[in-house]
Every structure is written in C-alpha cells, then in structure tokens.
N, C-alpha and C. Protein backbone atom coordinates (compact mmCIF):
# COMPACT_ATOMS: atom_id res chain seq x y z
N UNK A 1 -20.57 -1.10 20.31
CA UNK A 1 -19.77 -0.20 19.41
C UNK A 1 -20.73 0.86 19.23
N UNK A 2 -20.53 1.91 19.49
CA UNK A 2 -21.08 3.47 19.58
C UNK A 2 -21.19 4.10 18.13
N UNK A 3 -20.65 4.91 17.54
CA UNK A 3 -20.68 5.98 16.83
C UNK A 3 -20.30 5.33 15.49
N UNK A 4 -21.03 5.29 14.14
CA UNK A 4 -20.25 4.80 12.99
C UNK A 4 -20.13 5.89 11.99
N UNK A 5 -20.24 6.90 12.56
CA UNK A 5 -20.17 7.99 11.24
C UNK A 5 -18.87 7.84 10.66
N UNK A 6 -17.51 7.43 10.98
CA UNK A 6 -16.49 7.39 10.01
C UNK A 6 -16.73 6.33 9.19
N UNK A 7 -17.32 5.34 10.22
CA UNK A 7 -17.39 3.81 9.11
C UNK A 7 -18.21 3.97 7.94
N UNK A 8 -19.20 4.89 8.37
CA UNK A 8 -20.29 5.16 7.07
C UNK A 8 -19.92 6.10 6.36
N UNK A 9 -19.01 6.93 6.58
CA UNK A 9 -18.54 7.73 5.36
C UNK A 9 -17.43 7.23 4.78
N UNK A 10 -16.71 5.98 5.33
CA UNK A 10 -15.67 5.45 4.53
C UNK A 10 -16.41 4.45 3.56
N UNK A 11 -17.45 3.75 4.01
CA UNK A 11 -18.28 2.88 3.09
C UNK A 11 -18.67 3.72 2.12
N UNK A 12 -19.23 4.70 2.11
CA UNK A 12 -20.11 5.43 1.08
C UNK A 12 -18.70 5.78 0.37
N UNK A 13 -17.76 6.26 0.39
CA UNK A 13 -16.55 6.49 -0.04
C UNK A 13 -16.40 5.55 -1.46
N UNK A 14 -16.13 4.06 -0.68
CA UNK A 14 -15.46 3.26 -1.00
C UNK A 14 -16.78 2.82 -1.96
N UNK A 15 -17.88 2.66 -1.60
CA UNK A 15 -19.20 2.28 -2.86
C UNK A 15 -19.68 2.80 -3.77
N UNK A 16 -19.21 4.28 -3.64
CA UNK A 16 -19.80 5.11 -4.40
C UNK A 16 -21.27 5.27 -4.58
N UNK A 17 -22.12 6.00 -5.11
CA UNK A 17 -23.45 6.31 -5.20
C UNK A 17 -23.92 6.41 -6.49
N UNK A 18 -25.04 5.48 -7.10
CA UNK A 18 -25.71 5.87 -7.98
C UNK A 18 -27.16 5.82 -7.38
N UNK A 19 -28.22 6.74 -8.13
CA UNK A 19 -29.40 6.54 -7.42
C UNK A 19 -30.29 5.76 -8.69
N UNK A 20 -29.98 5.16 -9.83
CA UNK A 20 -30.36 4.21 -10.41
C UNK A 20 -29.71 3.21 -10.50
N UNK A 21 -30.52 2.06 -11.01
CA UNK A 21 -30.12 0.44 -11.07
C UNK A 21 -29.09 0.61 -12.09
N UNK A 22 -27.75 -0.07 -11.41
CA UNK A 22 -26.84 -0.29 -12.31
C UNK A 22 -26.11 -1.72 -12.13
N UNK A 23 -25.66 -2.55 -12.97
CA UNK A 23 -25.00 -3.92 -12.72
C UNK A 23 -23.40 -3.82 -12.22
N UNK A 24 -23.01 -4.46 -10.79
CA UNK A 24 -21.89 -4.40 -10.36
C UNK A 24 -20.85 -4.92 -11.22
N UNK A 25 -19.45 -5.35 -10.79
CA UNK A 25 -18.45 -6.04 -11.55
C UNK A 25 -18.64 -7.57 -11.77
N UNK A 26 -19.83 -7.86 -10.99
CA UNK A 26 -20.20 -9.18 -11.32
C UNK A 26 -21.66 -9.52 -11.50
N UNK A 27 -21.83 -8.26 -12.40
CA UNK A 27 -23.33 -8.25 -13.07
C UNK A 27 -24.58 -8.64 -12.25
N UNK A 28 -24.52 -7.97 -10.98
CA UNK A 28 -25.52 -8.26 -10.05
C UNK A 28 -26.13 -6.95 -9.92
N UNK A 29 -27.49 -6.84 -10.03
CA UNK A 29 -28.30 -5.25 -10.14
C UNK A 29 -27.98 -4.87 -8.73
N UNK A 30 -27.81 -3.61 -8.81
CA UNK A 30 -27.42 -2.72 -7.58
C UNK A 30 -27.53 -1.27 -7.59
N UNK A 31 -27.86 -0.60 -6.37
CA UNK A 31 -28.42 0.48 -6.33
C UNK A 31 -27.88 1.11 -5.13
N UNK A 32 -27.70 2.88 -5.26
CA UNK A 32 -27.63 3.40 -4.08
C UNK A 32 -26.08 3.14 -3.73
N UNK A 33 -25.72 3.07 -2.35
CA UNK A 33 -24.38 2.74 -2.00
C UNK A 33 -24.00 1.29 -1.81
N UNK A 34 -23.99 0.63 -3.31
CA UNK A 34 -23.80 -1.05 -2.91
C UNK A 34 -24.54 -1.76 -2.69
N UNK A 35 -25.83 -1.35 -2.61
CA UNK A 35 -26.96 -2.28 -2.39
C UNK A 35 -26.99 -3.40 -3.40
N UNK A 36 -26.96 -4.49 -2.93
CA UNK A 36 -27.39 -5.61 -3.72
C UNK A 36 -28.61 -5.85 -3.82
N UNK A 37 -29.39 -5.61 -4.90
CA UNK A 37 -30.76 -5.91 -5.27
C UNK A 37 -31.04 -7.21 -5.09
N UNK A 38 -32.20 -7.80 -4.33
CA UNK A 38 -32.81 -9.03 -3.96
C UNK A 38 -34.02 -9.32 -5.08
N UNK A 39 -34.22 -10.65 -5.22
CA UNK A 39 -35.37 -10.96 -6.09
C UNK A 39 -36.80 -10.48 -5.58
N UNK A 40 -36.70 -10.50 -4.43
CA UNK A 40 -38.16 -10.04 -3.73
C UNK A 40 -38.54 -8.29 -3.88
N UNK A 41 -37.12 -7.83 -4.02
CA UNK A 41 -37.12 -6.31 -3.94
C UNK A 41 -37.77 -5.72 -5.33
N UNK A 42 -38.68 -4.42 -5.51
CA UNK A 42 -38.76 -4.16 -6.75
C UNK A 42 -38.15 -2.90 -7.11
N UNK A 43 -37.37 -3.09 -7.98
CA UNK A 43 -36.50 -1.63 -8.30
C UNK A 43 -36.74 -1.47 -10.11
N UNK A 44 -37.26 -0.29 -10.11
CA UNK A 44 -37.51 0.01 -11.58
C UNK A 44 -36.21 0.56 -12.43
N UNK A 45 -36.16 -0.05 -13.42
CA UNK A 45 -35.16 0.37 -14.66
C UNK A 45 -35.56 1.58 -14.86
N UNK A 46 -34.27 2.51 -14.80
CA UNK A 46 -33.97 3.91 -15.29
C UNK A 46 -34.58 4.93 -14.31
N UNK A 47 -35.59 4.68 -13.31
CA UNK A 47 -35.84 5.43 -12.38
C UNK A 47 -34.80 6.10 -11.37
N UNK A 48 -34.91 7.36 -11.04
CA UNK A 48 -33.96 7.89 -10.00
C UNK A 48 -34.49 7.76 -8.80
N UNK A 49 -33.90 7.29 -7.79
CA UNK A 49 -34.50 7.29 -6.43
C UNK A 49 -33.84 8.30 -5.46
N UNK A 50 -34.39 8.87 -4.72
CA UNK A 50 -33.92 9.81 -3.98
C UNK A 50 -32.75 9.27 -3.21
N UNK A 51 -31.96 9.98 -2.77
CA UNK A 51 -30.80 10.05 -1.96
C UNK A 51 -31.56 9.72 -0.41
N UNK A 52 -32.51 10.23 0.08
CA UNK A 52 -33.28 10.02 1.59
C UNK A 52 -33.52 8.44 1.30
N UNK A 53 -34.10 8.36 0.46
CA UNK A 53 -34.76 6.66 0.35
C UNK A 53 -33.45 5.71 0.14
N UNK A 54 -32.72 6.05 -0.58
CA UNK A 54 -31.16 5.15 -0.53
C UNK A 54 -30.68 5.07 0.63
N UNK A 55 -30.75 6.43 1.39
CA UNK A 55 -29.99 6.43 2.74
C UNK A 55 -30.52 5.19 3.62
N UNK A 56 -31.58 5.01 3.44
CA UNK A 56 -32.28 4.15 4.36
C UNK A 56 -32.45 3.01 4.35
N UNK A 57 -31.99 2.43 2.91
CA UNK A 57 -31.76 0.89 2.36
C UNK A 57 -30.15 0.76 2.91
N UNK A 58 -29.37 2.00 2.77
CA UNK A 58 -27.98 2.02 3.22
C UNK A 58 -28.02 1.63 4.69
N UNK A 59 -28.61 2.14 5.51
CA UNK A 59 -28.47 2.06 6.87
C UNK A 59 -28.89 0.82 7.48
N UNK A 60 -30.02 0.16 6.69
CA UNK A 60 -30.46 -1.26 6.63
C UNK A 60 -29.25 -2.26 6.25
N UNK A 61 -28.58 -1.94 5.32
CA UNK A 61 -27.72 -2.81 4.84
C UNK A 61 -26.39 -2.80 5.79
N UNK A 62 -26.13 -1.55 6.49
CA UNK A 62 -25.15 -1.17 7.64
C UNK A 62 -25.43 -2.19 8.66
N UNK A 63 -26.45 -2.10 9.14
CA UNK A 63 -27.35 -2.80 10.36
C UNK A 63 -27.00 -4.31 10.00
N UNK A 64 -27.06 -5.02 9.03
CA UNK A 64 -27.01 -6.07 8.66
C UNK A 64 -25.75 -6.53 8.64
N UNK A 65 -24.94 -5.69 7.72
CA UNK A 65 -23.33 -5.99 8.37
C UNK A 65 -22.87 -5.97 9.72
N UNK A 66 -23.39 -5.38 10.43
CA UNK A 66 -22.83 -4.96 11.95
C UNK A 66 -23.13 -6.36 12.28
N UNK A 67 -24.25 -6.74 12.38
CA UNK A 67 -24.78 -8.05 12.99
C UNK A 67 -24.44 -9.19 12.34
N UNK A 68 -23.79 -9.16 11.15
CA UNK A 68 -22.92 -10.35 10.69
C UNK A 68 -21.66 -10.31 11.33
N UNK A 69 -21.13 -9.14 11.21
CA UNK A 69 -19.57 -8.91 11.86
C UNK A 69 -19.81 -9.59 13.40
N UNK A 70 -20.80 -8.86 13.97
CA UNK A 70 -20.74 -9.33 15.48
C UNK A 70 -20.99 -10.97 15.86
N UNK A 71 -21.61 -11.57 14.76
CA UNK A 71 -21.83 -12.90 14.76
C UNK A 71 -20.15 -13.55 14.53
N UNK A 72 -19.75 -12.86 13.88
CA UNK A 72 -18.19 -13.46 13.41
C UNK A 72 -17.36 -13.42 14.37
N UNK A 73 -17.37 -12.31 15.18
CA UNK A 73 -16.35 -11.93 16.17
C UNK A 73 -17.09 -12.26 17.49
N UNK A 74 -18.26 -13.06 17.54
CA UNK A 74 -18.73 -13.05 18.94
C UNK A 74 -18.01 -13.69 19.98
N UNK A 75 -16.44 -14.27 19.75
CA UNK A 75 -16.18 -15.10 20.52
C UNK A 75 -14.41 -14.35 20.74
N UNK A 76 -14.53 -13.33 19.80
CA UNK A 76 -13.10 -12.59 19.75
C UNK A 76 -13.05 -11.29 20.53
N UNK A 77 -12.23 -10.77 21.41
CA UNK A 77 -11.92 -9.55 21.90
C UNK A 77 -11.31 -8.36 20.83
N UNK A 78 -11.97 -7.58 20.24
CA UNK A 78 -11.27 -6.91 19.17
C UNK A 78 -10.95 -5.35 19.63
N UNK A 79 -10.18 -4.51 19.13
CA UNK A 79 -10.44 -2.99 19.07
C UNK A 79 -11.26 -2.52 18.21
N UNK A 80 -12.04 -1.30 18.77
CA UNK A 80 -13.07 -0.67 17.54
C UNK A 80 -12.66 -0.86 16.24
N UNK A 81 -11.45 -0.16 16.31
CA UNK A 81 -10.96 -0.20 14.39
C UNK A 81 -10.99 -1.33 13.73
N UNK A 82 -10.72 -2.51 14.56
CA UNK A 82 -10.55 -3.82 13.56
C UNK A 82 -12.08 -4.28 13.60
N UNK A 83 -12.98 -4.29 14.31
CA UNK A 83 -14.43 -4.38 14.12
C UNK A 83 -15.23 -3.50 13.04
N UNK A 84 -14.61 -2.30 13.19
CA UNK A 84 -15.03 -1.76 11.82
C UNK A 84 -14.58 -2.06 10.60
N UNK A 85 -13.29 -2.43 10.53
CA UNK A 85 -12.88 -2.99 9.43
C UNK A 85 -13.76 -4.26 8.83
N UNK A 86 -14.01 -5.09 9.55
CA UNK A 86 -14.52 -6.32 9.52
C UNK A 86 -16.08 -5.97 9.16
N UNK A 87 -16.75 -5.06 9.71
CA UNK A 87 -18.15 -4.47 9.18
C UNK A 87 -18.07 -4.39 7.73
N UNK A 88 -17.00 -3.29 7.81
CA UNK A 88 -16.81 -3.02 6.20
C UNK A 88 -16.72 -4.15 5.17
N UNK A 89 -16.12 -5.07 5.51
CA UNK A 89 -15.81 -6.10 4.77
C UNK A 89 -16.98 -7.22 4.60
N UNK A 90 -17.69 -6.93 5.83
CA UNK A 90 -19.16 -7.82 5.62
C UNK A 90 -20.00 -6.92 4.81
N UNK A 91 -20.05 -5.68 4.69
CA UNK A 91 -20.70 -4.90 4.03
C UNK A 91 -20.56 -5.39 2.72
N UNK A 92 -19.27 -5.61 2.24
CA UNK A 92 -19.02 -5.41 0.85
C UNK A 92 -19.21 -7.40 0.45
N UNK A 93 -18.84 -8.31 1.04
CA UNK A 93 -18.86 -9.58 0.70
C UNK A 93 -19.97 -10.58 1.47
N UNK A 94 -20.56 -9.88 2.56
CA UNK A 94 -21.54 -10.90 3.14
C UNK A 94 -20.65 -11.56 4.27
N UNK A 95 -21.09 -11.95 5.20
CA UNK A 95 -20.54 -12.66 6.29
C UNK A 95 -19.92 -13.82 6.07
N UNK A 96 -20.82 -14.80 5.19
CA UNK A 96 -20.31 -16.26 4.68
C UNK A 96 -18.80 -15.99 3.85
N UNK A 97 -18.88 -14.97 3.41
CA UNK A 97 -17.45 -14.35 2.69
C UNK A 97 -16.42 -14.15 3.31
N UNK A 98 -16.68 -13.55 4.42
CA UNK A 98 -15.54 -12.95 5.17
C UNK A 98 -15.17 -14.20 6.29
N UNK A 99 -16.10 -15.04 6.29
CA UNK A 99 -16.07 -16.04 7.33
C UNK A 99 -14.68 -17.18 6.82
N UNK A 100 -14.77 -17.05 5.15
CA UNK A 100 -13.71 -17.81 4.32
C UNK A 100 -12.39 -17.53 4.83
N UNK A 101 -11.77 -16.48 5.30
CA UNK A 101 -10.57 -15.91 5.44
C UNK A 101 -10.23 -16.56 6.60
N UNK A 102 -9.92 -17.93 6.28
CA UNK A 102 -9.01 -18.70 7.26
C UNK A 102 -8.12 -18.30 8.16
N UNK A 103 -6.96 -18.11 7.36
CA UNK A 103 -5.71 -17.60 8.44
C UNK A 103 -5.81 -16.07 9.16
N UNK A 104 -6.87 -15.13 8.48
CA UNK A 104 -7.38 -13.83 8.64
C UNK A 104 -7.88 -14.33 10.09
N UNK A 105 -8.82 -14.93 10.16
CA UNK A 105 -9.18 -15.13 11.93
C UNK A 105 -8.49 -15.47 12.74
N UNK A 106 -7.80 -16.57 12.26
CA UNK A 106 -6.63 -17.30 13.15
C UNK A 106 -5.67 -16.16 13.59
N UNK A 107 -5.31 -15.44 12.60
CA UNK A 107 -4.55 -14.22 13.31
C UNK A 107 -5.41 -13.22 14.14
N UNK A 108 -6.31 -12.55 13.70
CA UNK A 108 -7.33 -11.92 14.75
C UNK A 108 -7.30 -12.42 16.20
N UNK A 109 -7.59 -13.85 16.05
CA UNK A 109 -7.58 -14.45 17.44
C UNK A 109 -6.39 -14.34 18.50
N UNK A 110 -5.37 -14.41 17.83
CA UNK A 110 -3.91 -14.28 18.33
C UNK A 110 -3.71 -12.84 18.59
N UNK A 111 -4.38 -11.94 18.32
CA UNK A 111 -4.12 -10.63 18.34
C UNK A 111 -2.76 -10.10 17.20
N UNK A 112 -2.62 -10.70 16.32
CA UNK A 112 -1.64 -10.40 15.53
C UNK A 112 -2.31 -9.71 14.01
N UNK A 113 -2.36 -8.48 14.10
CA UNK A 113 -3.11 -7.64 13.46
C UNK A 113 -2.39 -7.53 11.87
N UNK A 114 -1.00 -6.92 12.34
CA UNK A 114 -0.21 -7.13 10.97
C UNK A 114 -0.35 -8.20 10.06
N UNK A 115 -0.15 -9.52 10.83
CA UNK A 115 -0.20 -10.66 9.81
C UNK A 115 -1.92 -10.68 9.25
N UNK A 116 -2.83 -10.38 10.02
CA UNK A 116 -4.19 -10.47 9.41
C UNK A 116 -4.17 -9.29 8.51
N UNK A 117 -3.64 -8.18 8.21
CA UNK A 117 -3.67 -7.46 7.31
C UNK A 117 -2.84 -7.76 6.16
N UNK A 118 -2.28 -8.40 6.31
CA UNK A 118 -1.35 -9.32 5.02
C UNK A 118 -2.09 -10.25 4.39
N UNK A 119 -2.97 -10.99 5.46
CA UNK A 119 -3.92 -12.21 4.88
C UNK A 119 -5.04 -11.33 4.03
N UNK A 120 -5.40 -10.27 4.57
CA UNK A 120 -6.30 -9.51 3.51
C UNK A 120 -6.33 -9.45 2.36
N UNK A 121 -4.71 -9.17 1.83
CA UNK A 121 -4.53 -9.03 0.52
C UNK A 121 -3.86 -10.22 -0.27
N UNK A 122 -4.11 -11.21 0.48
CA UNK A 122 -3.85 -12.61 -0.22
C UNK A 122 -5.19 -13.20 -0.44
N UNK A 123 -5.92 -12.64 -1.44
CA UNK A 123 -7.30 -12.87 -1.81
C UNK A 123 -7.94 -12.47 -2.89
N UNK A 124 -8.96 -13.27 -3.42
CA UNK A 124 -9.64 -12.89 -4.55
C UNK A 124 -10.14 -11.22 -4.62
N UNK A 125 -11.14 -11.36 -3.30
CA UNK A 125 -11.23 -9.98 -2.91
C UNK A 125 -10.43 -8.78 -3.13
N UNK A 126 -8.90 -9.20 -2.83
CA UNK A 126 -8.23 -8.05 -2.90
C UNK A 126 -7.67 -7.87 -4.52
N UNK A 127 -7.92 -9.03 -5.35
CA UNK A 127 -7.55 -8.71 -6.95
C UNK A 127 -8.86 -8.09 -7.41
N UNK A 128 -10.25 -8.15 -6.77
CA UNK A 128 -11.35 -7.67 -7.38
C UNK A 128 -11.37 -6.07 -7.07
N UNK A 129 -11.03 -6.01 -5.66
CA UNK A 129 -11.19 -4.43 -5.64
C UNK A 129 -9.70 -3.98 -4.65
N UNK A 130 -8.81 -3.78 -5.34
CA UNK A 130 -7.52 -3.79 -5.01
C UNK A 130 -7.22 -2.68 -3.94
N UNK A 131 -7.82 -1.37 -4.52
CA UNK A 131 -8.00 0.11 -3.69
C UNK A 131 -8.43 -0.09 -2.23
N UNK A 132 -9.65 -0.68 -2.25
CA UNK A 132 -10.26 -0.90 -1.12
C UNK A 132 -9.62 -1.69 -0.07
N UNK A 133 -9.13 -3.02 -0.72
CA UNK A 133 -8.74 -4.20 0.28
C UNK A 133 -7.38 -3.47 0.86
N UNK A 134 -6.63 -2.68 -0.02
CA UNK A 134 -5.58 -2.16 0.46
C UNK A 134 -5.61 -0.91 1.38
N UNK A 135 -6.38 -0.24 1.20
CA UNK A 135 -6.74 0.51 2.02
C UNK A 135 -7.10 0.09 3.80
N UNK A 136 -8.15 -1.00 3.73
CA UNK A 136 -8.38 -1.53 4.76
C UNK A 136 -7.40 -2.26 5.44
N UNK A 137 -6.55 -3.14 4.68
CA UNK A 137 -5.25 -3.75 4.96
C UNK A 137 -4.25 -2.65 5.90
N UNK A 138 -4.28 -1.54 5.15
CA UNK A 138 -3.38 -0.72 6.13
C UNK A 138 -4.08 -0.51 7.45
N UNK A 139 -5.01 -0.15 7.56
CA UNK A 139 -5.94 0.25 8.49
C UNK A 139 -5.74 -0.83 9.82
N UNK A 140 -5.82 -1.88 8.93
CA UNK A 140 -5.54 -3.23 10.26
C UNK A 140 -4.20 -3.44 10.52
N UNK A 141 -3.25 -2.59 9.98
CA UNK A 141 -2.19 -2.61 10.19
C UNK A 141 -1.71 -1.94 11.53
N UNK A 142 -2.53 -0.67 11.95
CA UNK A 142 -2.61 0.21 12.72
C UNK A 142 -3.29 -0.03 14.08
N UNK A 143 -4.06 -1.43 13.80
CA UNK A 143 -4.60 -1.74 15.00
C UNK A 143 -4.02 -2.13 16.14
N UNK A 144 -4.11 -1.74 17.20
CA UNK A 144 -3.28 -2.12 18.56
C UNK A 144 -4.27 -2.45 19.65
N UNK A 145 -3.71 -3.69 20.33
CA UNK A 145 -4.73 -3.94 21.48
C UNK A 145 -4.47 -2.86 22.71
C-alpha cells in the first residue's frame, strides 16, 4: 500500500482533534486524533499539546492500525479501498475488535463487498458511531474487484 493521504484525512475528520486530554464516549482518556492513552504514557491534565507532537502520535497509531489490518487481511486479496476501510476500522476498534466481525470477513473472502458493507452496519460499532460506520459502509459498497 502506498499513499495514505486520503485515509489520514478521513480518519482525522472522523476522530476530530483535541490538544488536551478528554474522555471518549467509553470514558477512556484520549488525546489528539482519537489516541487512546495507555497506562504507561504520561499526559498532563489540562496541558495543551502541540499539533505537531500529536501528529507524531497519530502517525504511530496509524502505522499500528496498518500493521493490524495487514495481519487480519494476510490471506485475502483486497482492493486498495477495502484495505483502507479496514485500516480505519482497526484504528478505531483495534484489530481484536475488527476480527470479531465474522460475517463481514466471510463476505470479504468471497469478494462480496456489498454484503460486507451491510454487515458493518449490523454491529454495536454502528450503534456507537453511526455516522462513521455508515460512511465507511457506503465506501465499502463502492469496492469492486
């Protein structure tokens, strides 16, 4: 996979940006473009961090999502757009979360992208983030082999 500029921009829009710590919808400490803070990271409450610093964190998170998506897709030949959609899902849910979409993966293996897009909406994820899930589902409908 090559140029991720469109993917980066889409994830940033979906995540939104905050330069201070905040609690996400599941009460997890988060910063920047949806970076889930871990126990071993030190982020100061109330401190404003630079966009440049948080962009570096974003790129690390994006690379982790790319690695996770590649592991999930290692045995499936997918068009570029489908891979990008999976990367964004992994960015948001983690590879473990995305791996649980059993029927989604079945349809991807069969090259049934429309059916896979419908499965994306039949999930707790779609109920928690309906706009994002709907947009990514619509993109998946456009995927062709």
